[in-house]
């Protein structure tokens, strides 16, 4: 799953990167966050329209980072959110783009 949906290359796919992720997920109280994310268990809304409406109601600026190689369903959700955002940033990569492209993301955010 990591190779198909999360990482393009880099530390996340190395034995050390995978071990680091496992250490985070296995922390006391982590409550299976990775599984909850993958199954949608962390989403407070039953349908995508809920978070889109919440984004539209924000009183502060919204910046959305789009991972240009994200899986189609995730990319469509990012693009829908970007449609109501004040700023949109594009990163190479998949769902782990914030990890693989952290420096690039920070530089883009500084410009907003």
PDB file of N, CA and C in Angstrom:
ATOM      1  N   UNK A   1       0.821  -1.186   0.000  1.00  0.00           N
ATOM      2  CA  UNK A   1       0.000   0.000   0.000  1.00  0.00           C
ATOM      3  C   UNK A   1       0.868   1.254   0.000  1.00  0.00           C
ATOM      4  N   UNK A   2       1.920   1.230   0.768  1.00  0.00           N
ATOM      5  CA  UNK A   2       2.801   2.395   0.824  1.00  0.00           C
ATOM      6  C   UNK A   2       3.369   2.694  -0.555  1.00  0.00           C
ATOM      7  N   UNK A   3       3.802   1.670  -1.246  1.00  0.00           N
ATOM      8  CA  UNK A   3       4.411   1.849  -2.566  1.00  0.00           C
ATOM      9  C   UNK A   3       3.383   2.342  -3.602  1.00  0.00           C
ATOM     10  N   UNK A   4       2.122   1.899  -3.495  1.00  0.00           N
ATOM     11  CA  UNK A   4       1.098   2.280  -4.477  1.00  0.00           C
ATOM     12  C   UNK A   4       0.437   3.618  -4.170  1.00  0.00           C
ATOM     13  N   UNK A   5       0.248   3.941  -2.882  1.00  0.00           N
ATOM     14  CA  UNK A   5      -0.578   5.088  -2.523  1.00  0.00           C
ATOM     15  C   UNK A   5       0.134   6.197  -1.753  1.00  0.00           C
ATOM     16  N   UNK A   6       1.204   5.875  -1.050  1.00  0.00           N
ATOM     17  CA  UNK A   6       1.774   6.835  -0.109  1.00  0.00           C
ATOM     18  C   UNK A   6       3.077   7.444  -0.602  1.00  0.00           C
ATOM     19  N   UNK A   7       4.016   6.614  -0.994  1.00  0.00           N
ATOM     20  CA  UNK A   7       5.351   7.088  -1.329  1.00  0.00           C
ATOM     21  C   UNK A   7       5.682   6.878  -2.800  1.00  0.00           C
ATOM     22  N   UNK A   8       6.447   7.808  -3.343  1.00  0.00           N
ATOM     23  CA  UNK A   8       7.005   7.639  -4.679  1.00  0.00           C
ATOM     24  C   UNK A   8       8.392   7.022  -4.537  1.00  0.00           C
ATOM     25  N   UNK A   9       9.166   7.564  -3.641  1.00  0.00           N
ATOM     26  CA  UNK A   9      10.527   7.088  -3.377  1.00  0.00           C
ATOM     27  C   UNK A   9      10.929   7.631  -2.016  1.00  0.00           C
ATOM     28  N   UNK A  10      12.148   7.404  -1.648  1.00  0.00           N
ATOM     29  CA  UNK A  10      12.647   8.049  -0.450  1.00  0.00           C
ATOM     30  C   UNK A  10      12.604   7.222   0.816  1.00  0.00           C
ATOM     31  N   UNK A  11      12.764   7.928   1.907  1.00  0.00           N
ATOM     32  CA  UNK A  11      12.946   7.335   3.223  1.00  0.00           C
ATOM     33  C   UNK A  11      11.775   6.451   3.648  1.00  0.00           C
ATOM     34  N   UNK A  12      10.545   6.809   3.261  1.00  0.00           N
ATOM     35  CA  UNK A  12       9.381   6.048   3.701  1.00  0.00           C
ATOM     36  C   UNK A  12       9.377   4.604   3.253  1.00  0.00           C
ATOM     37  N   UNK A  13      10.063   4.303   2.164  1.00  0.00           N
ATOM     38  CA  UNK A  13      10.092   2.936   1.655  1.00  0.00           C
ATOM     39  C   UNK A  13      11.321   2.154   2.103  1.00  0.00           C
ATOM     40  N   UNK A  14      12.252   2.820   2.750  1.00  0.00           N
ATOM     41  CA  UNK A  14      13.449   2.120   3.234  1.00  0.00           C
ATOM     42  C   UNK A  14      13.093   1.327   4.487  1.00  0.00           C
ATOM     43  N   UNK A  15      13.888   0.322   4.828  1.00  0.00           N
ATOM     44  CA  UNK A  15      13.638  -0.421   6.069  1.00  0.00           C
ATOM     45  C   UNK A  15      13.611   0.507   7.288  1.00  0.00           C
ATOM     46  N   UNK A  16      14.490   1.516   7.301  1.00  0.00           N
ATOM     47  CA  UNK A  16      14.522   2.453   8.428  1.00  0.00           C
ATOM     48  C   UNK A  16      13.252   3.301   8.470  1.00  0.00           C
ATOM     49  N   UNK A  17      12.801   3.758   7.295  1.00  0.00           N
ATOM     50  CA  UNK A  17      11.582   4.570   7.233  1.00  0.00           C
ATOM     51  C   UNK A  17      10.353   3.790   7.661  1.00  0.00           C
ATOM     52  N   UNK A  18      10.248   2.554   7.199  1.00  0.00           N
ATOM     53  CA  UNK A  18       9.117   1.719   7.598  1.00  0.00           C
ATOM     54  C   UNK A  18       9.154   1.427   9.093  1.00  0.00           C
ATOM     55  N   UNK A  19      10.338   1.189   9.631  1.00  0.00           N
ATOM     56  CA  UNK A  19      10.467   0.943  11.071  1.00  0.00           C
ATOM     57  C   UNK A  19      10.061   2.186  11.868  1.00  0.00           C
ATOM     58  N   UNK A  20      10.448   3.376  11.382  1.00  0.00           N
ATOM     59  CA  UNK A  20      10.074   4.618  12.075  1.00  0.00           C
ATOM     60  C   UNK A  20       8.556   4.786  12.085  1.00  0.00           C
ATOM     61  N   UNK A  21       7.912   4.500  10.979  1.00  0.00           N
ATOM     62  CA  UNK A  21       6.444   4.600  10.924  1.00  0.00           C
ATOM     63  C   UNK A  21       5.788   3.606  11.866  1.00  0.00           C
ATOM     64  N   UNK A  22       6.349   2.405  11.924  1.00  0.00           N
ATOM     65  CA  UNK A  22       5.790   1.405  12.834  1.00  0.00           C
ATOM     66  C   UNK A  22       5.954   1.829  14.289  1.00  0.00           C
ATOM     67  N   UNK A  23       7.089   2.442  14.624  1.00  0.00           N
ATOM     68  CA  UNK A  23       7.283   2.929  15.996  1.00  0.00           C
ATOM     69  C   UNK A  23       6.235   3.975  16.358  1.00  0.00           C
ATOM     70  N   UNK A  24       5.935   4.874  15.431  1.00  0.00           N
ATOM     71  CA  UNK A  24       4.926   5.904  15.681  1.00  0.00           C
ATOM     72  C   UNK A  24       3.561   5.265  15.879  1.00  0.00           C
ATOM     73  N   UNK A  25       3.197   4.339  15.002  1.00  0.00           N
ATOM     74  CA  UNK A  25       1.884   3.705  15.071  1.00  0.00           C
ATOM     75  C   UNK A  25       1.723   2.830  16.303  1.00  0.00           C
ATOM     76  N   UNK A  26       2.833   2.364  16.869  1.00  0.00           N
ATOM     77  CA  UNK A  26       2.768   1.447  18.015  1.00  0.00           C
ATOM     78  C   UNK A  26       2.973   2.143  19.355  1.00  0.00           C
ATOM     79  N   UNK A  27       2.965   3.460  19.374  1.00  0.00           N
ATOM     80  CA  UNK A  27       3.107   4.202  20.621  1.00  0.00           C
ATOM     81  C   UNK A  27       1.892   3.944  21.510  1.00  0.00           C
ATOM     82  N   UNK A  28       2.100   3.961  22.795  1.00  0.00           N
ATOM     83  CA  UNK A  28       1.011   3.813  23.749  1.00  0.00           C
ATOM     84  C   UNK A  28      -0.037   4.881  23.463  1.00  0.00           C
ATOM     85  N   UNK A  29      -1.265   4.477  23.287  1.00  0.00           N
ATOM     86  CA  UNK A  29      -2.341   5.412  23.017  1.00  0.00           C
ATOM     87  C   UNK A  29      -2.525   5.773  21.551  1.00  0.00           C
ATOM     88  N   UNK A  30      -1.707   5.207  20.651  1.00  0.00           N
ATOM     89  CA  UNK A  30      -1.833   5.553  19.233  1.00  0.00           C
ATOM     90  C   UNK A  30      -3.167   5.091  18.665  1.00  0.00           C
ATOM     91  N   UNK A  31      -3.750   4.080  19.241  1.00  0.00           N
ATOM     92  CA  UNK A  31      -5.090   3.596  18.898  1.00  0.00           C
ATOM     93  C   UNK A  31      -5.261   3.287  17.407  1.00  0.00           C
ATOM     94  N   UNK A  32      -4.254   2.672  16.830  1.00  0.00           N
ATOM     95  CA  UNK A  32      -4.354   2.192  15.459  1.00  0.00           C
ATOM     96  C   UNK A  32      -4.688   3.318  14.471  1.00  0.00           C
ATOM     97  N   UNK A  33      -4.027   4.442  14.621  1.00  0.00           N
ATOM     98  CA  UNK A  33      -4.293   5.603  13.779  1.00  0.00           C
ATOM     99  C   UNK A  33      -4.139   5.287  12.299  1.00  0.00           C
ATOM    100  N   UNK A  34      -3.133   4.523  11.924  1.00  0.00           N
ATOM    101  CA  UNK A  34      -2.951   4.205  10.498  1.00  0.00           C
ATOM    102  C   UNK A  34      -4.143   3.447   9.943  1.00  0.00           C
ATOM    103  N   UNK A  35      -4.628   2.457  10.685  1.00  0.00           N
ATOM    104  CA  UNK A  35      -5.796   1.700  10.230  1.00  0.00           C
ATOM    105  C   UNK A  35      -7.029   2.586  10.172  1.00  0.00           C
ATOM    106  N   UNK A  36      -7.178   3.452  11.153  1.00  0.00           N
ATOM    107  CA  UNK A  36      -8.323   4.356  11.159  1.00  0.00           C
ATOM    108  C   UNK A  36      -8.287   5.301   9.974  1.00  0.00           C
ATOM    109  N   UNK A  37      -7.092   5.759   9.618  1.00  0.00           N
ATOM    110  CA  UNK A  37      -6.966   6.642   8.461  1.00  0.00           C
ATOM    111  C   UNK A  37      -7.366   5.909   7.188  1.00  0.00           C
ATOM    112  N   UNK A  38      -6.834   4.727   6.995  1.00  0.00           N
ATOM    113  CA  UNK A  38      -7.076   3.980   5.757  1.00  0.00           C
ATOM    114  C   UNK A  38      -8.545   3.617   5.609  1.00  0.00           C
ATOM    115  N   UNK A  39      -9.219   3.304   6.681  1.00  0.00           N
ATOM    116  CA  UNK A  39     -10.624   2.899   6.610  1.00  0.00           C
ATOM    117  C   UNK A  39     -11.581   4.078   6.665  1.00  0.00           C
ATOM    118  N   UNK A  40     -11.059   5.289   6.871  1.00  0.00           N
ATOM    119  CA  UNK A  40     -11.930   6.457   6.995  1.00  0.00           C
ATOM    120  C   UNK A  40     -12.425   6.669   8.405  1.00  0.00           C
ATOM    121  N   UNK A  41     -11.918   5.897   9.352  1.00  0.00           N
ATOM    122  CA  UNK A  41     -12.375   5.994  10.732  1.00  0.00           C
ATOM    123  C   UNK A  41     -12.034   7.300  11.426  1.00  0.00           C
ATOM    124  N   UNK A  42     -11.133   8.095  10.870  1.00  0.00           N
ATOM    125  CA  UNK A  42     -10.789   9.373  11.474  1.00  0.00           C
ATOM    126  C   UNK A  42     -11.628  10.514  10.905  1.00  0.00           C
ATOM    127  N   UNK A  43     -12.392  10.258   9.869  1.00  0.00           N
ATOM    128  CA  UNK A  43     -13.176  11.303   9.222  1.00  0.00           C
ATOM    129  C   UNK A  43     -14.415  11.619  10.053  1.00  0.00           C
ATOM    130  N   UNK A  44     -14.577  12.875  10.490  1.00  0.00           N
ATOM    131  CA  UNK A  44     -15.738  13.210  11.311  1.00  0.00           C
ATOM    132  C   UNK A  44     -17.036  13.348  10.513  1.00  0.00           C
ATOM    133  N   UNK A  45     -16.966  13.291   9.200  1.00  0.00           N
ATOM    134  CA  UNK A  45     -18.154  13.451   8.361  1.00  0.00           C
ATOM    135  C   UNK A  45     -18.469  12.140   7.652  1.00  0.00           C
ATOM    136  N   UNK A  46     -19.756  11.883   7.465  1.00  0.00           N
ATOM    137  CA  UNK A  46     -20.183  10.661   6.782  1.00  0.00           C
ATOM    138  C   UNK A  46     -20.038  10.758   5.270  1.00  0.00           C
ATOM    139  N   UNK A  47     -20.048  11.978   4.749  1.00  0.00           N
ATOM    140  CA  UNK A  47     -19.964  12.183   3.301  1.00  0.00           C
ATOM    141  C   UNK A  47     -19.025  13.350   3.013  1.00  0.00           C
ATOM    142  N   UNK A  48     -18.367  13.356   1.863  1.00  0.00           N
ATOM    143  CA  UNK A  48     -17.436  14.441   1.527  1.00  0.00           C
ATOM    144  C   UNK A  48     -18.067  15.836   1.586  1.00  0.00           C
ATOM    145  N   UNK A  49     -19.349  15.933   1.317  1.00  0.00           N
ATOM    146  CA  UNK A  49     -20.002  17.243   1.338  1.00  0.00           C
ATOM    147  C   UNK A  49     -19.866  17.917   2.701  1.00  0.00           C
ATOM    148  N   UNK A  50     -19.791  17.142   3.766  1.00  0.00           N
ATOM    149  CA  UNK A  50     -19.654  17.701   5.116  1.00  0.00           C
ATOM    150  C   UNK A  50     -18.380  18.500   5.284  1.00  0.00           C
ATOM    151  N   UNK A  51     -17.245  17.946   4.871  1.00  0.00           N
ATOM    152  CA  UNK A  51     -16.000  18.696   5.049  1.00  0.00           C
ATOM    153  C   UNK A  51     -15.866  19.808   4.032  1.00  0.00           C
ATOM    154  N   UNK A  52     -16.499  19.674   2.872  1.00  0.00           N
ATOM    155  CA  UNK A  52     -16.482  20.782   1.912  1.00  0.00           C
ATOM    156  C   UNK A  52     -17.277  21.974   2.453  1.00  0.00           C
ATOM    157  N   UNK A  53     -18.423  21.691   3.062  1.00  0.00           N
ATOM    158  CA  UNK A  53     -19.221  22.769   3.666  1.00  0.00           C
ATOM    159  C   UNK A  53     -18.463  23.408   4.831  1.00  0.00           C
ATOM    160  N   UNK A  54     -17.795  22.590   5.629  1.00  0.00           N
ATOM    161  CA  UNK A  54     -17.000  23.130   6.739  1.00  0.00           C
ATOM    162  C   UNK A  54     -15.882  24.028   6.212  1.00  0.00           C
ATOM    163  N   UNK A  55     -15.253  23.631   5.123  1.00  0.00           N
ATOM    164  CA  UNK A  55     -14.189  24.445   4.526  1.00  0.00           C
ATOM    165  C   UNK A  55     -14.737  25.769   4.017  1.00  0.00           C
ATOM    166  N   UNK A  56     -15.914  25.739   3.427  1.00  0.00           N
ATOM    167  CA  UNK A  56     -16.524  26.967   2.915  1.00  0.00           C
ATOM    168  C   UNK A  56     -16.903  27.923   4.038  1.00  0.00           C
ATOM    169  N   UNK A  57     -17.186  27.389   5.217  1.00  0.00           N
ATOM    170  CA  UNK A  57     -17.598  28.214   6.355  1.00  0.00           C
ATOM    171  C   UNK A  57     -16.432  28.774   7.162  1.00  0.00           C
ATOM    172  N   UNK A  58     -15.200  28.404   6.805  1.00  0.00           N
ATOM    173  CA  UNK A  58     -14.036  28.902   7.540  1.00  0.00           C
ATOM    174  C   UNK A  58     -13.972  30.421   7.494  1.00  0.00           C
ATOM    175  N   UNK A  59     -13.563  31.019   8.603  1.00  0.00           N
ATOM    176  CA  UNK A  59     -13.396  32.470   8.663  1.00  0.00           C
ATOM    177  C   UNK A  59     -11.947  32.874   8.413  1.00  0.00           C
ATOM    178  N   UNK A  60     -11.065  31.914   8.315  1.00  0.00           N
ATOM    179  CA  UNK A  60      -9.647  32.186   8.066  1.00  0.00           C
ATOM    180  C   UNK A  60      -9.268  31.606   6.706  1.00  0.00           C
ATOM    181  N   UNK A  61      -8.147  32.064   6.132  1.00  0.00           N
ATOM    182  CA  UNK A  61      -7.729  31.549   4.828  1.00  0.00           C
ATOM    183  C   UNK A  61      -7.426  30.048   4.879  1.00  0.00           C
ATOM    184  N   UNK A  62      -7.708  29.396   3.793  1.00  0.00           N
ATOM    185  CA  UNK A  62      -7.468  27.957   3.667  1.00  0.00           C
ATOM    186  C   UNK A  62      -6.449  27.710   2.565  1.00  0.00           C
ATOM    187  N   UNK A  63      -5.411  26.972   2.879  1.00  0.00           N
ATOM    188  CA  UNK A  63      -4.412  26.557   1.905  1.00  0.00           C
ATOM    189  C   UNK A  63      -4.484  25.048   1.767  1.00  0.00           C
ATOM    190  N   UNK A  64      -4.558  24.563   0.551  1.00  0.00           N
ATOM    191  CA  UNK A  64      -4.637  23.131   0.280  1.00  0.00           C
ATOM    192  C   UNK A  64      -3.400  22.713  -0.503  1.00  0.00           C
ATOM    193  N   UNK A  65      -2.743  21.665  -0.030  1.00  0.00           N
ATOM    194  CA  UNK A  65      -1.607  21.084  -0.738  1.00  0.00           C
ATOM    195  C   UNK A  65      -2.108  19.853  -1.480  1.00  0.00           C
ATOM    196  N   UNK A  66      -1.884  19.827  -2.775  1.00  0.00           N
ATOM    197  CA  UNK A  66      -2.318  18.707  -3.608  1.00  0.00           C
ATOM    198  C   UNK A  66      -1.102  17.872  -3.984  1.00  0.00           C
ATOM    199  N   UNK A  67      -1.201  16.587  -3.710  1.00  0.00           N
ATOM    200  CA  UNK A  67      -0.162  15.638  -4.127  1.00  0.00           C
ATOM    201  C   UNK A  67      -0.521  15.187  -5.536  1.00  0.00           C
ATOM    202  N   UNK A  68       0.225  15.642  -6.508  1.00  0.00           N
ATOM    203  CA  UNK A  68      -0.135  15.448  -7.907  1.00  0.00           C
ATOM    204  C   UNK A  68      -0.172  13.993  -8.370  1.00  0.00           C
ATOM    205  N   UNK A  69       0.472  13.080  -7.637  1.00  0.00           N
ATOM    206  CA  UNK A  69       0.450  11.666  -8.014  1.00  0.00           C
ATOM    207  C   UNK A  69      -0.419  10.837  -7.065  1.00  0.00           C
ATOM    208  N   UNK A  70      -1.286  11.499  -6.319  1.00  0.00           N
ATOM    209  CA  UNK A  70      -2.168  10.791  -5.388  1.00  0.00           C
ATOM    210  C   UNK A  70      -3.106   9.856  -6.155  1.00  0.00           C
ATOM    211  N   UNK A  71      -3.604   8.817  -5.489  1.00  0.00           N
ATOM    212  CA  UNK A  71      -4.585   7.933  -6.134  1.00  0.00           C
ATOM    213  C   UNK A  71      -5.795   8.753  -6.604  1.00  0.00           C
ATOM    214  N   UNK A  72      -6.469   8.315  -7.670  1.00  0.00           N
ATOM    215  CA  UNK A  72      -7.548   9.108  -8.271  1.00  0.00           C
ATOM    216  C   UNK A  72      -8.618   9.609  -7.302  1.00  0.00           C
ATOM    217  N   UNK A  73      -9.105   8.762  -6.419  1.00  0.00           N
ATOM    218  CA  UNK A  73     -10.168   9.183  -5.490  1.00  0.00           C
ATOM    219  C   UNK A  73      -9.646  10.250  -4.526  1.00  0.00           C
ATOM    220  N   UNK A  74      -8.449  10.071  -4.016  1.00  0.00           N
ATOM    221  CA  UNK A  74      -7.856  11.048  -3.106  1.00  0.00           C
ATOM    222  C   UNK A  74      -7.555  12.357  -3.825  1.00  0.00           C
ATOM    223  N   UNK A  75      -7.057  12.253  -5.054  1.00  0.00           N
ATOM    224  CA  UNK A  75      -6.751  13.446  -5.843  1.00  0.00           C
ATOM    225  C   UNK A  75      -8.029  14.239  -6.112  1.00  0.00           C
ATOM    226  N   UNK A  76      -9.103  13.551  -6.427  1.00  0.00           N
ATOM    227  CA  UNK A  76     -10.382  14.227  -6.675  1.00  0.00           C
ATOM    228  C   UNK A  76     -10.850  14.958  -5.414  1.00  0.00           C
ATOM    229  N   UNK A  77     -10.663  14.339  -4.251  1.00  0.00           N
ATOM    230  CA  UNK A  77     -11.051  14.993  -2.993  1.00  0.00           C
ATOM    231  C   UNK A  77     -10.186  16.227  -2.738  1.00  0.00           C
ATOM    232  N   UNK A  78      -8.888  16.116  -3.006  1.00  0.00           N
ATOM    233  CA  UNK A  78      -7.998  17.267  -2.836  1.00  0.00           C
ATOM    234  C   UNK A  78      -8.403  18.400  -3.764  1.00  0.00           C
ATOM    235  N   UNK A  79      -8.734  18.064  -4.996  1.00  0.00           N
ATOM    236  CA  UNK A  79      -9.123  19.082  -5.971  1.00  0.00           C
ATOM    237  C   UNK A  79     -10.446  19.736  -5.601  1.00  0.00           C
ATOM    238  N   UNK A  80     -11.389  18.969  -5.047  1.00  0.00           N
ATOM    239  CA  UNK A  80     -12.662  19.528  -4.601  1.00  0.00           C
ATOM    240  C   UNK A  80     -12.430  20.518  -3.459  1.00  0.00           C
ATOM    241  N   UNK A  81     -11.556  20.153  -2.533  1.00  0.00           N
ATOM    242  CA  UNK A  81     -11.240  21.051  -1.427  1.00  0.00           C
ATOM    243  C   UNK A  81     -10.510  22.294  -1.934  1.00  0.00           C
ATOM    244  N   UNK A  82      -9.622  22.111  -2.898  1.00  0.00           N
ATOM    245  CA  UNK A  82      -8.884  23.251  -3.465  1.00  0.00           C
ATOM    246  C   UNK A  82      -9.826  24.242  -4.140  1.00  0.00           C
ATOM    247  N   UNK A  83     -10.957  23.755  -4.642  1.00  0.00           N
ATOM    248  CA  UNK A  83     -11.907  24.635  -5.319  1.00  0.00           C
ATOM    249  C   UNK A  83     -12.494  25.687  -4.377  1.00  0.00           C
ATOM    250  N   UNK A  84     -12.481  25.425  -3.076  1.00  0.00           N
ATOM    251  CA  UNK A  84     -12.999  26.405  -2.103  1.00  0.00           C
ATOM    252  C   UNK A  84     -11.870  27.049  -1.295  1.00  0.00           C
ATOM    253  N   UNK A  85     -10.629  26.745  -1.650  1.00  0.00           N
ATOM    254  CA  UNK A  85      -9.475  27.249  -0.896  1.00  0.00           C
ATOM    255  C   UNK A  85      -9.032  28.622  -1.403  1.00  0.00           C
ATOM    256  N   UNK A  86      -8.312  29.329  -0.537  1.00  0.00           N
ATOM    257  CA  UNK A  86      -7.737  30.619  -0.903  1.00  0.00           C
ATOM    258  C   UNK A  86      -6.424  30.430  -1.662  1.00  0.00           C
ATOM    259  N   UNK A  87      -5.683  29.381  -1.308  1.00  0.00           N
ATOM    260  CA  UNK A  87      -4.397  29.083  -1.945  1.00  0.00           C
ATOM    261  C   UNK A  87      -4.325  27.586  -2.203  1.00  0.00           C
ATOM    262  N   UNK A  88      -3.723  27.220  -3.325  1.00  0.00           N
ATOM    263  CA  UNK A  88      -3.501  25.815  -3.646  1.00  0.00           C
ATOM    264  C   UNK A  88      -2.027  25.625  -3.978  1.00  0.00           C
ATOM    265  N   UNK A  89      -1.427  24.622  -3.363  1.00  0.00           N
ATOM    266  CA  UNK A  89      -0.030  24.282  -3.586  1.00  0.00           C
ATOM    267  C   UNK A  89       0.030  22.907  -4.229  1.00  0.00           C
ATOM    268  N   UNK A  90       0.964  22.705  -5.121  1.00  0.00           N
ATOM    269  CA  UNK A  90       1.119  21.402  -5.773  1.00  0.00           C
ATOM    270  C   UNK A  90       2.476  20.813  -5.400  1.00  0.00           C
ATOM    271  N   UNK A  91       2.449  19.554  -5.008  1.00  0.00           N
ATOM    272  CA  UNK A  91       3.653  18.814  -4.675  1.00  0.00           C
ATOM    273  C   UNK A  91       3.743  17.567  -5.533  1.00  0.00           C
ATOM    274  N   UNK A  92       4.947  17.169  -5.906  1.00  0.00           N
ATOM    275  CA  UNK A  92       5.073  15.866  -6.551  1.00  0.00           C
ATOM    276  C   UNK A  92       4.814  14.806  -5.476  1.00  0.00           C
ATOM    277  N   UNK A  93       4.424  13.680  -5.859  1.00  0.00           N
ATOM    278  CA  UNK A  93       4.273  12.610  -4.875  1.00  0.00           C
ATOM    279  C   UNK A  93       2.848  12.170  -4.693  1.00  0.00           C
ATOM    280  N   UNK A  94       2.701  11.274  -3.735  1.00  0.00           N
ATOM    281  CA  UNK A  94       1.405  10.656  -3.444  1.00  0.00           C
ATOM    282  C   UNK A  94       0.934  11.135  -2.083  1.00  0.00           C
ATOM    283  N   UNK A  95       0.299  10.270  -1.328  1.00  0.00           N
ATOM    284  CA  UNK A  95      -0.275  10.689  -0.046  1.00  0.00           C
ATOM    285  C   UNK A  95       0.778  10.991   1.012  1.00  0.00           C
ATOM    286  N   UNK A  96       2.002  10.571   0.790  1.00  0.00           N
ATOM    287  CA  UNK A  96       3.089  10.873   1.720  1.00  0.00           C
ATOM    288  C   UNK A  96       3.935  12.053   1.264  1.00  0.00           C
ATOM    289  N   UNK A  97       3.401  12.876   0.372  1.00  0.00           N
ATOM    290  CA  UNK A  97       4.173  13.987  -0.183  1.00  0.00           C
ATOM    291  C   UNK A  97       4.673  14.939   0.894  1.00  0.00           C
ATOM    292  N   UNK A  98       3.914  15.100   1.969  1.00  0.00           N
ATOM    293  CA  UNK A  98       4.360  15.993   3.052  1.00  0.00           C
ATOM    294  C   UNK A  98       5.635  15.481   3.706  1.00  0.00           C
ATOM    295  N   UNK A  99       5.829  14.155   3.698  1.00  0.00           N
ATOM    296  CA  UNK A  99       7.067  13.590   4.242  1.00  0.00           C
ATOM    297  C   UNK A  99       8.191  13.626   3.208  1.00  0.00           C
ATOM    298  N   UNK A 100       7.884  13.190   2.011  1.00  0.00           N
ATOM    299  CA  UNK A 100       8.909  13.119   0.963  1.00  0.00           C
ATOM    300  C   UNK A 100       9.340  14.498   0.469  1.00  0.00           C
ATOM    301  N   UNK A 101       8.437  15.449   0.510  1.00  0.00           N
ATOM    302  CA  UNK A 101       8.711  16.789  -0.031  1.00  0.00           C
ATOM    303  C   UNK A 101       8.554  17.853   1.055  1.00  0.00           C
ATOM    304  N   UNK A 102       8.944  17.529   2.252  1.00  0.00           N
ATOM    305  CA  UNK A 102       8.758  18.441   3.384  1.00  0.00           C
ATOM    306  C   UNK A 102       9.385  19.812   3.177  1.00  0.00           C
ATOM    307  N   UNK A 103      10.602  19.836   2.661  1.00  0.00           N
ATOM    308  CA  UNK A 103      11.269  21.128   2.424  1.00  0.00           C
ATOM    309  C   UNK A 103      10.521  21.953   1.380  1.00  0.00           C
ATOM    310  N   UNK A 104      10.095  21.294   0.314  1.00  0.00           N
ATOM    311  CA  UNK A 104       9.355  21.989  -0.733  1.00  0.00           C
ATOM    312  C   UNK A 104       8.027  22.519  -0.201  1.00  0.00           C
ATOM    313  N   UNK A 105       7.336  21.716   0.609  1.00  0.00           N
ATOM    314  CA  UNK A 105       6.072  22.133   1.195  1.00  0.00           C
ATOM    315  C   UNK A 105       6.274  23.348   2.098  1.00  0.00           C
ATOM    316  N   UNK A 106       7.294  23.298   2.938  1.00  0.00           N
ATOM    317  CA  UNK A 106       7.581  24.435   3.816  1.00  0.00           C
ATOM    318  C   UNK A 106       7.849  25.707   3.017  1.00  0.00           C
ATOM    319  N   UNK A 107       8.607  25.583   1.934  1.00  0.00           N
ATOM    320  CA  UNK A 107       8.914  26.754   1.090  1.00  0.00           C
ATOM    321  C   UNK A 107       7.627  27.296   0.459  1.00  0.00           C
ATOM    322  N   UNK A 108       6.758  26.415  -0.022  1.00  0.00           N
ATOM    323  CA  UNK A 108       5.496  26.864  -0.613  1.00  0.00           C
ATOM    324  C   UNK A 108       4.620  27.545   0.419  1.00  0.00           C
ATOM    325  N   UNK A 109       4.552  26.996   1.623  1.00  0.00           N
ATOM    326  CA  UNK A 109       3.735  27.582   2.672  1.00  0.00           C
ATOM    327  C   UNK A 109       4.248  28.954   3.095  1.00  0.00           C
ATOM    328  N   UNK A 110       5.558  29.126   3.085  1.00  0.00           N
ATOM    329  CA  UNK A 110       6.118  30.436   3.451  1.00  0.00           C
ATOM    330  C   UNK A 110       5.692  31.524   2.469  1.00  0.00           C
ATOM    331  N   UNK A 111       5.413  31.139   1.228  1.00  0.00           N
ATOM    332  CA  UNK A 111       5.009  32.114   0.205  1.00  0.00           C
ATOM    333  C   UNK A 111       3.536  32.518   0.322  1.00  0.00           C
ATOM    334  N   UNK A 112       2.735  31.722   1.028  1.00  0.00           N
ATOM    335  CA  UNK A 112       1.293  32.020   1.151  1.00  0.00           C
ATOM    336  C   UNK A 112       1.038  33.190   2.081  1.00  0.00           C
TER     337      UNK A 112
END
